[in-house]
Amino acid sequence: TKLIAGFALGGVAGFVGSVAPAMVPAILAVAAAWVIVDVVQVTREQ
């Protein structure tokens, strides 16, 4: 199980490493949008 998990994590890490340069801006944009929505909801509730 540990061996399979290790291979899986290695594969995911390699895939992320190869795709990351194109994906990072999109991920950051999504994360920023989530944060903004959370802040707006919290301020509305308060």
ModelCIF file with pLDDT and N, C-alpha, C, O atoms, coordinates in Angstrom:
data_MODEL
#
_entry.id   MODEL 
#
_entity.id                         1 
_entity.type                       polymer 
_entity.pdbx_number_of_molecules   1 
#
_entity_poly.entity_id                      1 
_entity_poly.type                           'polypeptide(L)' 
_entity_poly.nstd_linkage                   no 
_entity_poly.nstd_monomer                   no 
_entity_poly.pdbx_seq_one_letter_code       TKLIAGFALGGVAGFVGSVAPAMVPAILAVAAAWVIVDVVQVTREQ 
_entity_poly.pdbx_seq_one_letter_code_can   TKLIAGFALGGVAGFVGSVAPAMVPAILAVAAAWVIVDVVQVTREQ 
_entity_poly.pdbx_strand_id                 A 
#
loop_
_entity_poly_seq.entity_id 
_entity_poly_seq.num 
_entity_poly_seq.mon_id 
_entity_poly_seq.hetero 
1 1  THR n 
1 2  LYS n 
1 3  LEU n 
1 4  ILE n 
1 5  ALA n 
1 6  GLY n 
1 7  PHE n 
1 8  ALA n 
1 9  LEU n 
1 10 GLY n 
1 11 GLY n 
1 12 VAL n 
1 13 ALA n 
1 14 GLY n 
1 15 PHE n 
1 16 VAL n 
1 17 GLY n 
1 18 SER n 
1 19 VAL n 
1 20 ALA n 
1 21 PRO n 
1 22 ALA n 
1 23 MET n 
1 24 VAL n 
1 25 PRO n 
1 26 ALA n 
1 27 ILE n 
1 28 LEU n 
1 29 ALA n 
1 30 VAL n 
1 31 ALA n 
1 32 ALA n 
1 33 ALA n 
1 34 TRP n 
1 35 VAL n 
1 36 ILE n 
1 37 VAL n 
1 38 ASP n 
1 39 VAL n 
1 40 VAL n 
1 41 GLN n 
1 42 VAL n 
1 43 THR n 
1 44 ARG n 
1 45 GLU n 
1 46 GLN n 
#
_struct_asym.id          A 
_struct_asym.entity_id   1 
#
loop_
_ma_qa_metric.id 
_ma_qa_metric.mode 
_ma_qa_metric.name 
_ma_qa_metric.software_group_id 
_ma_qa_metric.type 
1 global pLDDT . pLDDT 
2 local  pLDDT . pLDDT 
#
_ma_qa_metric_global.metric_id      1 
_ma_qa_metric_global.metric_value   86.28 
_ma_qa_metric_global.model_id       1 
_ma_qa_metric_global.ordinal_id     1 
#
loop_
_ma_qa_metric_local.label_asym_id 
_ma_qa_metric_local.label_comp_id 
_ma_qa_metric_local.label_seq_id 
_ma_qa_metric_local.metric_id 
_ma_qa_metric_local.metric_value 
_ma_qa_metric_local.model_id 
_ma_qa_metric_local.ordinal_id 
A THR 1  2 89.00 1 1  
A LYS 2  2 87.00 1 2  
A LEU 3  2 84.00 1 3  
A ILE 4  2 85.00 1 4  
A ALA 5  2 87.00 1 5  
A GLY 6  2 84.00 1 6  
A PHE 7  2 86.00 1 7  
A ALA 8  2 85.00 1 8  
A LEU 9  2 85.00 1 9  
A GLY 10 2 86.00 1 10 
A GLY 11 2 83.00 1 11 
A VAL 12 2 83.00 1 12 
A ALA 13 2 81.00 1 13 
A GLY 14 2 82.00 1 14 
A PHE 15 2 80.00 1 15 
A VAL 16 2 77.00 1 16 
A GLY 17 2 78.00 1 17 
A SER 18 2 80.00 1 18 
A VAL 19 2 75.00 1 19 
A ALA 20 2 73.00 1 20 
A PRO 21 2 79.00 1 21 
A ALA 22 2 77.00 1 22 
A MET 23 2 77.00 1 23 
A VAL 24 2 81.00 1 24 
A PRO 25 2 84.00 1 25 
A ALA 26 2 85.00 1 26 
A ILE 27 2 85.00 1 27 
A LEU 28 2 86.00 1 28 
A ALA 29 2 91.00 1 29 
A VAL 30 2 92.00 1 30 
A ALA 31 2 92.00 1 31 
A ALA 32 2 93.00 1 32 
A ALA 33 2 94.00 1 33 
A TRP 34 2 94.00 1 34 
A VAL 35 2 94.00 1 35 
A ILE 36 2 94.00 1 36 
A VAL 37 2 94.00 1 37 
A ASP 38 2 93.00 1 38 
A VAL 39 2 93.00 1 39 
A VAL 40 2 93.00 1 40 
A GLN 41 2 93.00 1 41 
A VAL 42 2 92.00 1 42 
A THR 43 2 93.00 1 43 
A ARG 44 2 91.00 1 44 
A GLU 45 2 90.00 1 45 
A GLN 46 2 89.00 1 46 
#
loop_
_atom_site.group_PDB 
_atom_site.id 
_atom_site.type_symbol 
_atom_site.label_atom_id 
_atom_site.label_alt_id 
_atom_site.label_comp_id 
_atom_site.label_asym_id 
_atom_site.label_entity_id 
_atom_site.label_seq_id 
_atom_site.pdbx_PDB_ins_code 
_atom_site.Cartn_x 
_atom_site.Cartn_y 
_atom_site.Cartn_z 
_atom_site.occupancy 
_atom_site.B_iso_or_equiv 
_atom_site.pdbx_formal_charge 
_atom_site.auth_seq_id 
_atom_site.auth_comp_id 
_atom_site.auth_asym_id 
_atom_site.auth_atom_id 
_atom_site.pdbx_PDB_model_num 
ATOM 1   N N  . THR A 1 1  ? 0.837   -1.202 0.000   1.00 89.00 ? 1  THR A N  1 
ATOM 2   C CA . THR A 1 1  ? 0.000   0.000  0.000   1.00 89.00 ? 1  THR A CA 1 
ATOM 3   C C  . THR A 1 1  ? 0.868   1.247  0.000   1.00 89.00 ? 1  THR A C  1 
ATOM 4   O O  . THR A 1 1  ? 0.599   2.208  -0.720  1.00 89.00 ? 1  THR A O  1 
ATOM 5   N N  . LYS A 1 2  ? 1.929   1.218  0.829   1.00 87.00 ? 2  LYS A N  1 
ATOM 6   C CA . LYS A 1 2  ? 2.827   2.372  0.882   1.00 87.00 ? 2  LYS A CA 1 
ATOM 7   C C  . LYS A 1 2  ? 3.519   2.581  -0.463  1.00 87.00 ? 2  LYS A C  1 
ATOM 8   O O  . LYS A 1 2  ? 3.700   3.711  -0.916  1.00 87.00 ? 2  LYS A O  1 
ATOM 9   N N  . LEU A 1 3  ? 3.905   1.465  -1.096  1.00 84.00 ? 3  LEU A N  1 
ATOM 10  C CA . LEU A 1 3  ? 4.577   1.554  -2.392  1.00 84.00 ? 3  LEU A CA 1 
ATOM 11  C C  . LEU A 1 3  ? 3.637   2.168  -3.428  1.00 84.00 ? 3  LEU A C  1 
ATOM 12  O O  . LEU A 1 3  ? 4.027   3.063  -4.177  1.00 84.00 ? 3  LEU A O  1 
ATOM 13  N N  . ILE A 1 4  ? 2.378   1.673  -3.464  1.00 85.00 ? 4  ILE A N  1 
ATOM 14  C CA . ILE A 1 4  ? 1.399   2.202  -4.421  1.00 85.00 ? 4  ILE A CA 1 
ATOM 15  C C  . ILE A 1 4  ? 1.145   3.680  -4.129  1.00 85.00 ? 4  ILE A C  1 
ATOM 16  O O  . ILE A 1 4  ? 1.096   4.499  -5.047  1.00 85.00 ? 4  ILE A O  1 
ATOM 17  N N  . ALA A 1 5  ? 0.985   4.017  -2.854  1.00 87.00 ? 5  ALA A N  1 
ATOM 18  C CA . ALA A 1 5  ? 0.744   5.409  -2.484  1.00 87.00 ? 5  ALA A CA 1 
ATOM 19  C C  . ALA A 1 5  ? 1.923   6.281  -2.908  1.00 87.00 ? 5  ALA A C  1 
ATOM 20  O O  . ALA A 1 5  ? 1.739   7.393  -3.401  1.00 87.00 ? 5  ALA A O  1 
ATOM 21  N N  . GLY A 1 6  ? 3.128   5.766  -2.712  1.00 84.00 ? 6  GLY A N  1 
ATOM 22  C CA . GLY A 1 6  ? 4.312   6.516  -3.108  1.00 84.00 ? 6  GLY A CA 1 
ATOM 23  C C  . GLY A 1 6  ? 4.350   6.771  -4.603  1.00 84.00 ? 6  GLY A C  1 
ATOM 24  O O  . GLY A 1 6  ? 4.636   7.883  -5.046  1.00 84.00 ? 6  GLY A O  1 
ATOM 25  N N  . PHE A 1 7  ? 4.059   5.728  -5.380  1.00 86.00 ? 7  PHE A N  1 
ATOM 26  C CA . PHE A 1 7  ? 4.024   5.899  -6.832  1.00 86.00 ? 7  PHE A CA 1 
ATOM 27  C C  . PHE A 1 7  ? 2.938   6.894  -7.235  1.00 86.00 ? 7  PHE A C  1 
ATOM 28  O O  . PHE A 1 7  ? 3.139   7.730  -8.116  1.00 86.00 ? 7  PHE A O  1 
ATOM 29  N N  . ALA A 1 8  ? 1.777   6.789  -6.568  1.00 85.00 ? 8  ALA A N  1 
ATOM 30  C CA . ALA A 1 8  ? 0.674   7.693  -6.897  1.00 85.00 ? 8  ALA A CA 1 
ATOM 31  C C  . ALA A 1 8  ? 1.067   9.132  -6.594  1.00 85.00 ? 8  ALA A C  1 
ATOM 32  O O  . ALA A 1 8  ? 0.852   10.029 -7.409  1.00 85.00 ? 8  ALA A O  1 
ATOM 33  N N  . LEU A 1 9  ? 1.650   9.345  -5.407  1.00 85.00 ? 9  LEU A N  1 
ATOM 34  C CA . LEU A 1 9  ? 2.062   10.704 -5.039  1.00 85.00 ? 9  LEU A CA 1 
ATOM 35  C C  . LEU A 1 9  ? 3.136   11.211 -5.986  1.00 85.00 ? 9  LEU A C  1 
ATOM 36  O O  . LEU A 1 9  ? 3.110   12.374 -6.391  1.00 85.00 ? 9  LEU A O  1 
ATOM 37  N N  . GLY A 1 10 ? 4.083   10.347 -6.342  1.00 86.00 ? 10 GLY A N  1 
ATOM 38  C CA . GLY A 1 10 ? 5.123   10.742 -7.285  1.00 86.00 ? 10 GLY A CA 1 
ATOM 39  C C  . GLY A 1 10 ? 4.538   11.116 -8.636  1.00 86.00 ? 10 GLY A C  1 
ATOM 40  O O  . GLY A 1 10 ? 4.958   12.092 -9.257  1.00 86.00 ? 10 GLY A O  1 
ATOM 41  N N  . GLY A 1 11 ? 3.557   10.326 -9.089  1.00 83.00 ? 11 GLY A N  1 
ATOM 42  C CA . GLY A 1 11 ? 2.912   10.628 -10.368 1.00 83.00 ? 11 GLY A CA 1 
ATOM 43  C C  . GLY A 1 11 ? 2.178   11.947 -10.318 1.00 83.00 ? 11 GLY A C  1 
ATOM 44  O O  . GLY A 1 11 ? 2.258   12.757 -11.241 1.00 83.00 ? 11 GLY A O  1 
ATOM 45  N N  . VAL A 1 12 ? 1.453   12.153 -9.215  1.00 83.00 ? 12 VAL A N  1 
ATOM 46  C CA . VAL A 1 12 ? 0.715   13.415 -9.055  1.00 83.00 ? 12 VAL A CA 1 
ATOM 47  C C  . VAL A 1 12 ? 1.691   14.581 -9.005  1.00 83.00 ? 12 VAL A C  1 
ATOM 48  O O  . VAL A 1 12 ? 1.471   15.613 -9.639  1.00 83.00 ? 12 VAL A O  1 
ATOM 49  N N  . ALA A 1 13 ? 2.774   14.410 -8.247  1.00 81.00 ? 13 ALA A N  1 
ATOM 50  C CA . ALA A 1 13 ? 3.766   15.487 -8.133  1.00 81.00 ? 13 ALA A CA 1 
ATOM 51  C C  . ALA A 1 13 ? 4.377   15.800 -9.501  1.00 81.00 ? 13 ALA A C  1 
ATOM 52  O O  . ALA A 1 13 ? 4.545   16.966 -9.859  1.00 81.00 ? 13 ALA A O  1 
ATOM 53  N N  . GLY A 1 14 ? 4.704   14.764 -10.255 1.00 82.00 ? 14 GLY A N  1 
ATOM 54  C CA . GLY A 1 14 ? 5.266   14.979 -11.589 1.00 82.00 ? 14 GLY A CA 1 
ATOM 55  C C  . GLY A 1 14 ? 4.280   15.665 -12.513 1.00 82.00 ? 14 GLY A C  1 
ATOM 56  O O  . GLY A 1 14 ? 4.640   16.569 -13.268 1.00 82.00 ? 14 GLY A O  1 
ATOM 57  N N  . PHE A 1 15 ? 3.012   15.220 -12.445 1.00 80.00 ? 15 PHE A N  1 
ATOM 58  C CA . PHE A 1 15 ? 1.979   15.824 -13.288 1.00 80.00 ? 15 PHE A CA 1 
ATOM 59  C C  . PHE A 1 15 ? 1.800   17.293 -12.920 1.00 80.00 ? 15 PHE A C  1 
ATOM 60  O O  . PHE A 1 15 ? 1.745   18.160 -13.793 1.00 80.00 ? 15 PHE A O  1 
ATOM 61  N N  . VAL A 1 16 ? 1.710   17.567 -11.606 1.00 77.00 ? 16 VAL A N  1 
ATOM 62  C CA . VAL A 1 16 ? 1.550   18.951 -11.154 1.00 77.00 ? 16 VAL A CA 1 
ATOM 63  C C  . VAL A 1 16 ? 2.748   19.781 -11.584 1.00 77.00 ? 16 VAL A C  1 
ATOM 64  O O  . VAL A 1 16 ? 2.599   20.925 -12.012 1.00 77.00 ? 16 VAL A O  1 
ATOM 65  N N  . GLY A 1 17 ? 3.946   19.197 -11.470 1.00 78.00 ? 17 GLY A N  1 
ATOM 66  C CA . GLY A 1 17 ? 5.143   19.926 -11.855 1.00 78.00 ? 17 GLY A CA 1 
ATOM 67  C C  . GLY A 1 17 ? 5.152   20.288 -13.332 1.00 78.00 ? 17 GLY A C  1 
ATOM 68  O O  . GLY A 1 17 ? 5.632   21.356 -13.713 1.00 78.00 ? 17 GLY A O  1 
ATOM 69  N N  . SER A 1 18 ? 4.616   19.391 -14.169 1.00 80.00 ? 18 SER A N  1 
ATOM 70  C CA . SER A 1 18 ? 4.625   19.664 -15.607 1.00 80.00 ? 18 SER A CA 1 
ATOM 71  C C  . SER A 1 18 ? 3.506   20.617 -16.004 1.00 80.00 ? 18 SER A C  1 
ATOM 72  O O  . SER A 1 18 ? 3.632   21.355 -16.981 1.00 80.00 ? 18 SER A O  1 
ATOM 73  N N  . VAL A 1 19 ? 2.398   20.604 -15.239 1.00 75.00 ? 19 VAL A N  1 
ATOM 74  C CA . VAL A 1 19 ? 1.238   21.417 -15.596 1.00 75.00 ? 19 VAL A CA 1 
ATOM 75  C C  . VAL A 1 19 ? 1.233   22.739 -14.834 1.00 75.00 ? 19 VAL A C  1 
ATOM 76  O O  . VAL A 1 19 ? 0.613   23.711 -15.264 1.00 75.00 ? 19 VAL A O  1 
ATOM 77  N N  . ALA A 1 20 ? 1.936   22.766 -13.689 1.00 73.00 ? 20 ALA A N  1 
ATOM 78  C CA . ALA A 1 20 ? 1.858   23.900 -12.771 1.00 73.00 ? 20 ALA A CA 1 
ATOM 79  C C  . ALA A 1 20 ? 2.089   25.259 -13.438 1.00 73.00 ? 20 ALA A C  1 
ATOM 80  O O  . ALA A 1 20 ? 1.322   26.185 -13.178 1.00 73.00 ? 20 ALA A O  1 
ATOM 81  N N  . PRO A 1 21 ? 3.113   25.421 -14.288 1.00 79.00 ? 21 PRO A N  1 
ATOM 82  C CA . PRO A 1 21 ? 3.362   26.769 -14.834 1.00 79.00 ? 21 PRO A CA 1 
ATOM 83  C C  . PRO A 1 21 ? 2.123   27.392 -15.484 1.00 79.00 ? 21 PRO A C  1 
ATOM 84  O O  . PRO A 1 21 ? 1.907   28.600 -15.386 1.00 79.00 ? 21 PRO A O  1 
ATOM 85  N N  . ALA A 1 22 ? 1.310   26.559 -16.150 1.00 77.00 ? 22 ALA A N  1 
ATOM 86  C CA . ALA A 1 22 ? 0.121   27.087 -16.795 1.00 77.00 ? 22 ALA A CA 1 
ATOM 87  C C  . ALA A 1 22 ? -1.037  27.220 -15.813 1.00 77.00 ? 22 ALA A C  1 
ATOM 88  O O  . ALA A 1 22 ? -1.912  28.068 -15.988 1.00 77.00 ? 22 ALA A O  1 
ATOM 89  N N  . MET A 1 23 ? -1.039  26.374 -14.769 1.00 77.00 ? 23 MET A N  1 
ATOM 90  C CA . MET A 1 23 ? -2.191  26.302 -13.882 1.00 77.00 ? 23 MET A CA 1 
ATOM 91  C C  . MET A 1 23 ? -2.110  27.280 -12.717 1.00 77.00 ? 23 MET A C  1 
ATOM 92  O O  . MET A 1 23 ? -3.140  27.692 -12.184 1.00 77.00 ? 23 MET A O  1 
ATOM 93  N N  . VAL A 1 24 ? -0.886  27.662 -12.312 1.00 81.00 ? 24 VAL A N  1 
ATOM 94  C CA . VAL A 1 24 ? -0.732  28.479 -11.111 1.00 81.00 ? 24 VAL A CA 1 
ATOM 95  C C  . VAL A 1 24 ? -1.579  29.751 -11.166 1.00 81.00 ? 24 VAL A C  1 
ATOM 96  O O  . VAL A 1 24 ? -2.283  30.039 -10.198 1.00 81.00 ? 24 VAL A O  1 
ATOM 97  N N  . PRO A 1 25 ? -1.542  30.521 -12.248 1.00 84.00 ? 25 PRO A N  1 
ATOM 98  C CA . PRO A 1 25 ? -2.367  31.744 -12.267 1.00 84.00 ? 25 PRO A CA 1 
ATOM 99  C C  . PRO A 1 25 ? -3.849  31.447 -12.104 1.00 84.00 ? 25 PRO A C  1 
ATOM 100 O O  . PRO A 1 25 ? -4.557  32.175 -11.408 1.00 84.00 ? 25 PRO A O  1 
ATOM 101 N N  . ALA A 1 26 ? -4.325  30.375 -12.747 1.00 85.00 ? 26 ALA A N  1 
ATOM 102 C CA . ALA A 1 26 ? -5.739  30.025 -12.636 1.00 85.00 ? 26 ALA A CA 1 
ATOM 103 C C  . ALA A 1 26 ? -6.079  29.619 -11.211 1.00 85.00 ? 26 ALA A C  1 
ATOM 104 O O  . ALA A 1 26 ? -7.113  30.023 -10.678 1.00 85.00 ? 26 ALA A O  1 
ATOM 105 N N  . ILE A 1 27 ? -5.213  28.818 -10.590 1.00 85.00 ? 27 ILE A N  1 
ATOM 106 C CA . ILE A 1 27 ? -5.456  28.374 -9.218  1.00 85.00 ? 27 ILE A CA 1 
ATOM 107 C C  . ILE A 1 27 ? -5.465  29.582 -8.283  1.00 85.00 ? 27 ILE A C  1 
ATOM 108 O O  . ILE A 1 27 ? -6.321  29.689 -7.404  1.00 85.00 ? 27 ILE A O  1 
ATOM 109 N N  . LEU A 1 28 ? -4.507  30.490 -8.479  1.00 86.00 ? 28 LEU A N  1 
ATOM 110 C CA . LEU A 1 28 ? -4.457  31.682 -7.631  1.00 86.00 ? 28 LEU A CA 1 
ATOM 111 C C  . LEU A 1 28 ? -5.712  32.524 -7.818  1.00 86.00 ? 28 LEU A C  1 
ATOM 112 O O  . LEU A 1 28 ? -6.247  33.067 -6.851  1.00 86.00 ? 28 LEU A O  1 
ATOM 113 N N  . ALA A 1 29 ? -6.180  32.634 -9.044  1.00 91.00 ? 29 ALA A N  1 
ATOM 114 C CA . ALA A 1 29 ? -7.385  33.414 -9.306  1.00 91.00 ? 29 ALA A CA 1 
ATOM 115 C C  . ALA A 1 29 ? -8.591  32.795 -8.609  1.00 91.00 ? 29 ALA A C  1 
ATOM 116 O O  . ALA A 1 29 ? -9.397  33.504 -8.006  1.00 91.00 ? 29 ALA A O  1 
ATOM 117 N N  . VAL A 1 30 ? -8.715  31.461 -8.693  1.00 92.00 ? 30 VAL A N  1 
ATOM 118 C CA . VAL A 1 30 ? -9.830  30.775 -8.031  1.00 92.00 ? 30 VAL A CA 1 
ATOM 119 C C  . VAL A 1 30 ? -9.729  30.958 -6.521  1.00 92.00 ? 30 VAL A C  1 
ATOM 120 O O  . VAL A 1 30 ? -10.729 31.242 -5.861  1.00 92.00 ? 30 VAL A O  1 
ATOM 121 N N  . ALA A 1 31 ? -8.521  30.794 -5.969  1.00 92.00 ? 31 ALA A N  1 
ATOM 122 C CA . ALA A 1 31 ? -8.337  30.946 -4.530  1.00 92.00 ? 31 ALA A CA 1 
ATOM 123 C C  . ALA A 1 31 ? -8.698  32.360 -4.098  1.00 92.00 ? 31 ALA A C  1 
ATOM 124 O O  . ALA A 1 31 ? -9.359  32.547 -3.077  1.00 92.00 ? 31 ALA A O  1 
ATOM 125 N N  . ALA A 1 32 ? -8.272  33.355 -4.867  1.00 93.00 ? 32 ALA A N  1 
ATOM 126 C CA . ALA A 1 32 ? -8.590  34.744 -4.537  1.00 93.00 ? 32 ALA A CA 1 
ATOM 127 C C  . ALA A 1 32 ? -10.091 34.972 -4.578  1.00 93.00 ? 32 ALA A C  1 
ATOM 128 O O  . ALA A 1 32 ? -10.640 35.662 -3.719  1.00 93.00 ? 32 ALA A O  1 
ATOM 129 N N  . ALA A 1 33 ? -10.763 34.393 -5.577  1.00 94.00 ? 33 ALA A N  1 
ATOM 130 C CA . ALA A 1 33 ? -12.217 34.542 -5.675  1.00 94.00 ? 33 ALA A CA 1 
ATOM 131 C C  . ALA A 1 33 ? -12.899 33.935 -4.458  1.00 94.00 ? 33 ALA A C  1 
ATOM 132 O O  . ALA A 1 33 ? -13.824 34.528 -3.903  1.00 94.00 ? 33 ALA A O  1 
ATOM 133 N N  . TRP A 1 34 ? -12.442 32.734 -4.032  1.00 94.00 ? 34 TRP A N  1 
ATOM 134 C CA . TRP A 1 34 ? -13.019 32.091 -2.855  1.00 94.00 ? 34 TRP A CA 1 
ATOM 135 C C  . TRP A 1 34 ? -12.838 32.971 -1.630  1.00 94.00 ? 34 TRP A C  1 
ATOM 136 O O  . TRP A 1 34 ? -13.772 33.145 -0.848  1.00 94.00 ? 34 TRP A O  1 
ATOM 137 N N  . VAL A 1 35 ? -11.637 33.530 -1.455  1.00 94.00 ? 35 VAL A N  1 
ATOM 138 C CA . VAL A 1 35 ? -11.365 34.376 -0.288  1.00 94.00 ? 35 VAL A CA 1 
ATOM 139 C C  . VAL A 1 35 ? -12.278 35.594 -0.307  1.00 94.00 ? 35 VAL A C  1 
ATOM 140 O O  . VAL A 1 35 ? -12.848 35.969 0.718   1.00 94.00 ? 35 VAL A O  1 
ATOM 141 N N  . ILE A 1 36 ? -12.413 36.212 -1.483  1.00 94.00 ? 36 ILE A N  1 
ATOM 142 C CA . ILE A 1 36 ? -13.253 37.405 -1.591  1.00 94.00 ? 36 ILE A CA 1 
ATOM 143 C C  . ILE A 1 36 ? -14.698 37.061 -1.226  1.00 94.00 ? 36 ILE A C  1 
ATOM 144 O O  . ILE A 1 36 ? -15.346 37.796 -0.482  1.00 94.00 ? 36 ILE A O  1 
ATOM 145 N N  . VAL A 1 37 ? -15.198 35.944 -1.752  1.00 94.00 ? 37 VAL A N  1 
ATOM 146 C CA . VAL A 1 37 ? -16.577 35.538 -1.457  1.00 94.00 ? 37 VAL A CA 1 
ATOM 147 C C  . VAL A 1 37 ? -16.745 35.282 0.034   1.00 94.00 ? 37 VAL A C  1 
ATOM 148 O O  . VAL A 1 37 ? -17.743 35.691 0.627   1.00 94.00 ? 37 VAL A O  1 
ATOM 149 N N  . ASP A 1 38 ? -15.771 34.607 0.643   1.00 93.00 ? 38 ASP A N  1 
ATOM 150 C CA . ASP A 1 38 ? -15.850 34.342 2.080   1.00 93.00 ? 38 ASP A CA 1 
ATOM 151 C C  . ASP A 1 38 ? -15.887 35.640 2.865   1.00 93.00 ? 38 ASP A C  1 
ATOM 152 O O  . ASP A 1 38 ? -16.698 35.789 3.779   1.00 93.00 ? 38 ASP A O  1 
ATOM 153 N N  . VAL A 1 39 ? -15.022 36.577 2.522   1.00 93.00 ? 39 VAL A N  1 
ATOM 154 C CA . VAL A 1 39 ? -14.965 37.847 3.237   1.00 93.00 ? 39 VAL A CA 1 
ATOM 155 C C  . VAL A 1 39 ? -16.296 38.580 3.099   1.00 93.00 ? 39 VAL A C  1 
ATOM 156 O O  . VAL A 1 39 ? -16.808 39.127 4.076   1.00 93.00 ? 39 VAL A O  1 
ATOM 157 N N  . VAL A 1 40 ? -16.853 38.594 1.899   1.00 93.00 ? 40 VAL A N  1 
ATOM 158 C CA . VAL A 1 40 ? -18.134 39.281 1.670   1.00 93.00 ? 40 VAL A CA 1 
ATOM 159 C C  . VAL A 1 40 ? -19.224 38.638 2.508   1.00 93.00 ? 40 VAL A C  1 
ATOM 160 O O  . VAL A 1 40 ? -20.026 39.340 3.123   1.00 93.00 ? 40 VAL A O  1 
ATOM 161 N N  . GLN A 1 41 ? -19.265 37.305 2.542   1.00 93.00 ? 41 GLN A N  1 
ATOM 162 C CA . GLN A 1 41 ? -20.299 36.622 3.322   1.00 93.00 ? 41 GLN A CA 1 
ATOM 163 C C  . GLN A 1 41 ? -20.154 36.938 4.804   1.00 93.00 ? 41 GLN A C  1 
ATOM 164 O O  . GLN A 1 41 ? -21.147 37.197 5.485   1.00 93.00 ? 41 GLN A O  1 
ATOM 165 N N  . VAL A 1 42 ? -18.926 36.920 5.305   1.00 92.00 ? 42 VAL A N  1 
ATOM 166 C CA . VAL A 1 42 ? -18.694 37.168 6.730   1.00 92.00 ? 42 VAL A CA 1 
ATOM 167 C C  . VAL A 1 42 ? -19.101 38.599 7.075   1.00 92.00 ? 42 VAL A C  1 
ATOM 168 O O  . VAL A 1 42 ? -19.746 38.829 8.098   1.00 92.00 ? 42 VAL A O  1 
ATOM 169 N N  . THR A 1 43 ? -18.732 39.551 6.237   1.00 93.00 ? 43 THR A N  1 
ATOM 170 C CA . THR A 1 43 ? -19.071 40.943 6.537   1.00 93.00 ? 43 THR A CA 1 
ATOM 171 C C  . THR A 1 43 ? -20.587 41.143 6.476   1.00 93.00 ? 43 THR A C  1 
ATOM 172 O O  . THR A 1 43 ? -21.138 41.921 7.256   1.00 93.00 ? 43 THR A O  1 
ATOM 173 N N  . ARG A 1 44 ? -21.261 40.454 5.563   1.00 91.00 ? 44 ARG A N  1 
ATOM 174 C CA . ARG A 1 44 ? -22.726 40.551 5.493   1.00 91.00 ? 44 ARG A CA 1 
ATOM 175 C C  . ARG A 1 44 ? -23.355 39.987 6.751   1.00 91.00 ? 44 ARG A C  1 
ATOM 176 O O  . ARG A 1 44 ? -24.291 40.570 7.299   1.00 91.00 ? 44 ARG A O  1 
ATOM 177 N N  . GLU A 1 45 ? -22.835 38.832 7.219   1.00 90.00 ? 45 GLU A N  1 
ATOM 178 C CA . GLU A 1 45 ? -23.390 38.199 8.418   1.00 90.00 ? 45 GLU A CA 1 
ATOM 179 C C  . GLU A 1 45 ? -23.168 39.097 9.646   1.00 90.00 ? 45 GLU A C  1 
ATOM 180 O O  . GLU A 1 45 ? -24.041 39.195 10.508  1.00 90.00 ? 45 GLU A O  1 
ATOM 181 N N  . GLN A 1 46 ? -22.023 39.739 9.722   1.00 89.00 ? 46 GLN A N  1 
ATOM 182 C CA . GLN A 1 46 ? -21.724 40.575 10.882  1.00 89.00 ? 46 GLN A CA 1 
ATOM 183 C C  . GLN A 1 46 ? -22.574 41.846 10.863  1.00 89.00 ? 46 GLN A C  1 
ATOM 184 O O  . GLN A 1 46 ? -22.462 42.677 11.764  1.00 89.00 ? 46 GLN A O  1 
#
